[in-house]
């Protein structure tokens, strides 16, 4: 099955859903709503502290700009981080 346009993008984003559940939801919530007790921002609103495109999210996951979120390069490879960024 060949996907194009919005369908292909949606399929790519959906591939990151289980990765998000396993690695991010404990701090950012199941639906990305954030958990203030951990200092984890809402990922589901229009506010993006450091940008909301794939490159900005990838950079934040790889080398966080603040002391709360750990860097994930020791646990996740580049492809997995990109999948998470596309999902977010």
Protein backbone atom coordinates (compact mmCIF):
# COMPACT_ATOMS: atom_id res chain seq x y z
CA UNK A 1 0.00 0.00 0.00
CA UNK A 2 1.42 3.35 -0.99
CA UNK A 3 0.56 6.38 1.10
CA UNK A 4 0.92 9.91 -0.14
CA UNK A 5 0.60 13.39 1.24
CA UNK A 6 -1.28 13.70 4.50
CA UNK A 7 -1.83 9.95 4.79
CA UNK A 8 1.91 9.26 4.66
CA UNK A 9 2.62 11.96 7.24
CA UNK A 10 -0.11 10.62 9.51
CA UNK A 11 1.29 7.09 9.21
CA UNK A 12 4.79 8.33 10.09
CA UNK A 13 3.47 10.22 13.09
CA UNK A 14 1.44 7.24 14.28
CA UNK A 15 4.59 5.09 14.25
CA UNK A 16 5.94 7.26 17.08
CA UNK A 17 2.93 6.71 19.35
CA UNK A 18 4.23 3.58 21.14
CA UNK A 19 7.67 5.19 21.46
CA UNK A 20 6.08 8.21 23.10
CA UNK A 21 4.05 6.02 25.48
CA UNK A 22 7.17 4.11 26.51
CA UNK A 23 9.62 7.00 26.84
CA UNK A 24 7.79 10.31 27.26
CA UNK A 25 4.31 9.84 28.72
CA UNK A 26 5.51 9.38 32.30
CA UNK A 27 6.53 13.06 32.37
CA UNK A 28 4.53 14.66 29.56
CA UNK A 29 1.29 12.73 30.11
CA UNK A 30 -0.54 10.22 27.96
CA UNK A 31 -1.92 12.92 25.69
CA UNK A 32 1.04 15.31 25.90
CA UNK A 33 -0.72 17.59 28.39
CA UNK A 34 2.43 17.93 30.52
CA UNK A 35 2.98 17.32 34.22
CA UNK A 36 3.86 20.50 36.09
CA UNK A 37 5.14 18.57 39.13
CA UNK A 38 8.00 17.32 36.94
CA UNK A 39 8.46 20.58 35.06
CA UNK A 40 7.35 18.81 31.88
CA UNK A 41 5.61 21.23 29.50
CA UNK A 42 2.40 20.64 27.63
CA UNK A 43 3.27 19.27 24.19
CA UNK A 44 -0.31 19.39 22.90
CA UNK A 45 -0.90 23.14 22.94
CA UNK A 46 0.21 25.88 20.57
CA UNK A 47 2.98 27.12 22.89
CA UNK A 48 6.42 25.82 21.96
CA UNK A 49 9.27 26.95 24.19
CA UNK A 50 12.00 26.04 21.71
CA UNK A 51 10.04 25.53 18.49
CA UNK A 52 7.63 22.85 17.36
CA UNK A 53 9.00 21.63 14.06
CA UNK A 54 10.71 18.24 13.76
CA UNK A 55 14.21 19.73 13.91
CA UNK A 56 13.48 21.76 17.07
CA UNK A 57 11.85 18.85 18.89
CA UNK A 58 14.68 16.53 17.84
CA UNK A 59 17.24 19.01 19.19
CA UNK A 60 15.38 19.31 22.50
CA UNK A 61 15.18 15.52 22.95
CA UNK A 62 18.83 15.08 21.95
CA UNK A 63 20.37 17.98 23.92
CA UNK A 64 17.82 19.58 26.26
CA UNK A 65 18.25 23.27 26.97
CA UNK A 66 17.34 23.10 30.64
CA UNK A 67 18.19 20.91 33.61
CA UNK A 68 14.87 19.09 34.04
CA UNK A 69 14.66 16.89 30.95
CA UNK A 70 17.46 14.40 30.43
CA UNK A 71 19.16 13.97 27.08
CA UNK A 72 17.97 10.80 25.37
CA UNK A 73 20.87 10.04 23.05
CA UNK A 74 22.18 7.43 25.50
CA UNK A 75 18.88 5.49 25.35
CA UNK A 76 17.48 6.20 21.90
CA UNK A 77 19.08 6.17 18.47
CA UNK A 78 18.71 9.01 15.98
CA UNK A 79 15.91 7.31 14.02
CA UNK A 80 13.85 6.71 17.17
CA UNK A 81 14.32 10.30 18.31
CA UNK A 82 13.14 11.52 14.91
CA UNK A 83 10.07 9.24 15.09
CA UNK A 84 9.23 10.73 18.48
CA UNK A 85 9.69 14.26 17.15
CA UNK A 86 7.37 13.58 14.22
CA UNK A 87 4.76 12.13 16.59
CA UNK A 88 4.96 15.10 18.96
